[in-house]
N, C-alpha and C. Protein backbone atom coordinates (compact mmCIF):
# COMPACT_ATOMS: atom_id res chain seq x y z
N MET A 1 123.84 117.33 135.44
CA MET A 1 123.83 116.46 134.28
C MET A 1 125.20 116.52 133.61
N THR A 2 125.70 115.36 133.28
CA THR A 2 127.04 115.29 132.68
C THR A 2 126.95 115.53 131.18
N ALA A 3 128.09 115.73 130.58
CA ALA A 3 128.16 115.91 129.13
C ALA A 3 127.70 114.65 128.41
N ALA A 4 128.00 113.50 128.98
CA ALA A 4 127.56 112.24 128.37
C ALA A 4 126.04 112.14 128.41
N ASP A 5 125.42 112.57 129.52
CA ASP A 5 123.95 112.57 129.62
C ASP A 5 123.33 113.49 128.57
N THR A 6 123.92 114.65 128.42
CA THR A 6 123.41 115.62 127.44
C THR A 6 123.53 115.05 126.03
N THR A 7 124.64 114.43 125.74
CA THR A 7 124.84 113.82 124.42
C THR A 7 123.82 112.72 124.18
N LEU A 8 123.61 111.89 125.18
CA LEU A 8 122.64 110.80 125.06
C LEU A 8 121.23 111.34 124.85
N LEU A 9 120.85 112.33 125.63
CA LEU A 9 119.51 112.92 125.48
C LEU A 9 119.34 113.59 124.12
N THR A 10 120.37 114.24 123.64
CA THR A 10 120.32 114.88 122.32
C THR A 10 120.14 113.84 121.23
N ARG A 11 120.87 112.74 121.34
CA ARG A 11 120.76 111.67 120.35
C ARG A 11 119.36 111.03 120.40
N GLN A 12 118.84 110.81 121.60
CA GLN A 12 117.50 110.23 121.74
C GLN A 12 116.44 111.17 121.17
N ARG A 13 116.62 112.46 121.42
CA ARG A 13 115.67 113.44 120.88
C ARG A 13 115.68 113.42 119.35
N GLU A 14 116.87 113.39 118.76
CA GLU A 14 116.98 113.35 117.30
C GLU A 14 116.31 112.09 116.74
N MET A 15 116.51 110.96 117.41
CA MET A 15 115.90 109.71 116.95
C MET A 15 114.38 109.78 117.05
N LEU A 16 113.88 110.34 118.13
CA LEU A 16 112.43 110.49 118.28
C LEU A 16 111.85 111.41 117.22
N LEU A 17 112.55 112.48 116.91
CA LEU A 17 112.08 113.39 115.87
C LEU A 17 112.07 112.72 114.50
N GLN A 18 113.08 111.89 114.24
CA GLN A 18 113.11 111.14 112.98
C GLN A 18 111.94 110.16 112.91
N LYS A 19 111.68 109.47 114.03
CA LYS A 19 110.56 108.52 114.05
C LYS A 19 109.23 109.25 113.89
N LEU A 20 109.10 110.41 114.49
CA LEU A 20 107.88 111.20 114.33
C LEU A 20 107.70 111.62 112.89
N ASP A 21 108.76 112.06 112.26
CA ASP A 21 108.70 112.45 110.85
C ASP A 21 108.30 111.27 109.98
N GLU A 22 108.89 110.12 110.23
CA GLU A 22 108.55 108.91 109.47
C GLU A 22 107.09 108.53 109.69
N PHE A 23 106.62 108.62 110.92
CA PHE A 23 105.22 108.33 111.22
C PHE A 23 104.30 109.27 110.46
N GLU A 24 104.61 110.56 110.47
CA GLU A 24 103.77 111.54 109.78
C GLU A 24 103.72 111.28 108.27
N ARG A 25 104.86 110.94 107.68
CA ARG A 25 104.88 110.64 106.24
C ARG A 25 104.08 109.38 105.94
N THR A 26 104.24 108.35 106.78
CA THR A 26 103.49 107.11 106.58
C THR A 26 102.00 107.34 106.76
N ASN A 27 101.64 108.09 107.78
CA ASN A 27 100.24 108.38 108.04
C ASN A 27 99.61 109.13 106.86
N LYS A 28 100.33 110.11 106.33
CA LYS A 28 99.83 110.88 105.19
C LYS A 28 99.63 109.97 103.97
N ALA A 29 100.60 109.10 103.72
CA ALA A 29 100.50 108.19 102.57
C ALA A 29 99.34 107.22 102.74
N LEU A 30 99.16 106.69 103.95
CA LEU A 30 98.07 105.76 104.19
C LEU A 30 96.71 106.44 104.06
N ARG A 31 96.61 107.66 104.54
CA ARG A 31 95.35 108.39 104.41
C ARG A 31 95.01 108.64 102.95
N ARG A 32 96.04 108.97 102.15
CA ARG A 32 95.82 109.17 100.71
C ARG A 32 95.34 107.87 100.06
N LEU A 33 95.99 106.76 100.40
CA LEU A 33 95.59 105.47 99.84
C LEU A 33 94.17 105.11 100.25
N LEU A 34 93.80 105.41 101.48
CA LEU A 34 92.45 105.12 101.95
C LEU A 34 91.43 105.95 101.18
N ARG A 35 91.73 107.22 100.95
CA ARG A 35 90.81 108.06 100.16
C ARG A 35 90.65 107.51 98.76
N GLU A 36 91.76 107.09 98.15
CA GLU A 36 91.69 106.52 96.80
C GLU A 36 90.87 105.24 96.79
N GLN A 37 91.07 104.38 97.80
CA GLN A 37 90.32 103.12 97.88
C GLN A 37 88.84 103.40 98.05
N GLN A 38 88.50 104.35 98.91
CA GLN A 38 87.09 104.69 99.13
C GLN A 38 86.47 105.24 97.86
N ALA A 39 87.20 106.08 97.14
CA ALA A 39 86.70 106.65 95.89
C ALA A 39 86.45 105.55 94.87
N THR A 40 87.35 104.59 94.81
CA THR A 40 87.18 103.46 93.89
C THR A 40 85.95 102.64 94.24
N GLU A 41 85.76 102.38 95.54
CA GLU A 41 84.60 101.61 95.97
C GLU A 41 83.30 102.35 95.66
N VAL A 42 83.27 103.65 95.88
CA VAL A 42 82.07 104.44 95.59
C VAL A 42 81.78 104.39 94.10
N LEU A 43 82.80 104.54 93.28
CA LEU A 43 82.61 104.49 91.83
C LEU A 43 82.08 103.13 91.40
N GLU A 44 82.60 102.04 91.97
CA GLU A 44 82.10 100.71 91.64
C GLU A 44 80.63 100.56 92.02
N ILE A 45 80.24 101.10 93.16
CA ILE A 45 78.85 101.03 93.59
C ILE A 45 77.95 101.82 92.65
N VAL A 46 78.39 103.00 92.25
CA VAL A 46 77.61 103.83 91.33
C VAL A 46 77.44 103.12 89.99
N ILE A 47 78.51 102.56 89.48
CA ILE A 47 78.43 101.85 88.19
C ILE A 47 77.51 100.65 88.30
N PHE A 48 77.64 99.87 89.37
CA PHE A 48 76.78 98.70 89.56
C PHE A 48 75.32 99.13 89.66
N SER A 49 75.05 100.19 90.41
CA SER A 49 73.68 100.67 90.56
C SER A 49 73.11 101.12 89.21
N PHE A 50 73.94 101.78 88.42
CA PHE A 50 73.49 102.22 87.11
C PHE A 50 73.20 101.02 86.20
N GLU A 51 74.04 100.01 86.27
CA GLU A 51 73.80 98.80 85.48
C GLU A 51 72.48 98.13 85.89
N ILE A 52 72.20 98.06 87.18
CA ILE A 52 70.94 97.49 87.66
C ILE A 52 69.77 98.33 87.16
N TYR A 53 69.90 99.65 87.24
CA TYR A 53 68.85 100.54 86.76
C TYR A 53 68.59 100.31 85.27
N LEU A 54 69.65 100.24 84.47
CA LEU A 54 69.46 100.01 83.03
C LEU A 54 68.80 98.66 82.77
N PHE A 55 69.24 97.64 83.48
CA PHE A 55 68.64 96.32 83.32
C PHE A 55 67.16 96.37 83.67
N TRP A 56 66.83 97.05 84.76
CA TRP A 56 65.44 97.16 85.18
C TRP A 56 64.62 97.90 84.13
N GLN A 57 65.19 98.94 83.56
CA GLN A 57 64.49 99.70 82.53
C GLN A 57 64.20 98.83 81.31
N LEU A 58 65.12 98.00 80.94
CA LEU A 58 64.92 97.14 79.77
C LEU A 58 63.93 96.02 80.05
N GLU A 59 63.91 95.51 81.25
CA GLU A 59 63.04 94.39 81.60
C GLU A 59 61.62 94.82 81.95
N VAL A 60 61.45 95.94 82.59
CA VAL A 60 60.15 96.33 83.12
C VAL A 60 59.31 97.08 82.11
N LYS A 61 59.90 97.96 81.36
CA LYS A 61 59.13 98.77 80.42
C LYS A 61 58.66 97.92 79.24
N PRO A 62 57.38 98.07 78.86
CA PRO A 62 56.88 97.31 77.70
C PRO A 62 57.49 97.84 76.41
N HIS A 63 57.64 96.94 75.47
CA HIS A 63 58.17 97.33 74.17
C HIS A 63 57.10 98.05 73.38
N CYS A 64 57.48 99.02 72.58
CA CYS A 64 56.53 99.83 71.81
C CYS A 64 55.86 99.02 70.70
N SER A 65 56.47 97.97 70.22
CA SER A 65 55.94 97.20 69.10
C SER A 65 54.81 96.28 69.52
N GLN A 66 54.61 96.06 70.80
CA GLN A 66 53.53 95.20 71.27
C GLN A 66 52.25 95.99 71.39
N PRO A 67 51.07 95.39 70.99
CA PRO A 67 49.80 96.11 71.09
C PRO A 67 49.35 96.32 72.52
């Protein structure tokens, strides 16, 4: 292997390591965003369910003032 080949391989290795590092950072950020999005969706479902429950409680239960 010539010195030029070694230099080329070294440069390619460095570029691949940089791309791997960028991929890992992007992957970590996307996973965090996905967790946040899922948490938001779960919270919205819980709030909606609670609103339905409250509405049902107000509509179904008889009022105390009625005989």
